[in-house]
Amino acid sequence: MKDRVSTLLEGRKERLERILGRELQVASASDETPLTEEKRRYLLDEAEDLYWNELEWENITEEERLADGALTELAFPGLLAFVRGLLLEEAMPDALAPARPRPEVVADILRFLAERVIELRDEIPDIPGEDGRRMEEELSMTDRLVDLVLFELYGLDEDEVERIESAPTRA
């Protein structure tokens, strides 16, 4: 599964670079001591919990559902805010702690989301009815969530995101 995950994420990055006409770079990690494996796993677990909780809330309420699917940006506000917090490069002057960007944790989150996309693609053909429909919706939202997290990881501005989203869809 790891090769498929890497292929999915590298393909997405290459598409973004092709559309924007430039190489994408991740903001540098904090100059401070790297996170311990325990802390890194904790942050990933928190992100996974946000994903599952927000997905379930959307399934229960269907608050962000439109005729052609859910608005992923509104269905996963906590997870996207968490990602932005992990990438924060500047803190307010009165903040009690300096900003410590952790793009390595965002990369872990992306791997989790890409794994989920692949799992759903593999499972959907075997699931009929309402369960299959829900899985298709989850796939659509999770697939979009991968893009949204990539936009944050590479620090794309609104104009760049608009160019990407107006480009022809992936083949």
Foldseek 3Di string as FASTA:
>chain_A
DLVQLVVVLVVLQVLLCVLVVHHFDFPDFFPDDDDDPVVLVVLLVVLVVLLVVLLVVCVVPVPQADPVAGDLCVSRVPNLVSLLLLQDQADPPPDPDGRGHDLVSLVVNLSVLSVLLVVLVVCLVVDDDPVSVSSVRVNVSSVVVSVSSVCSRRVPDPVSVVSSVVDDDDD
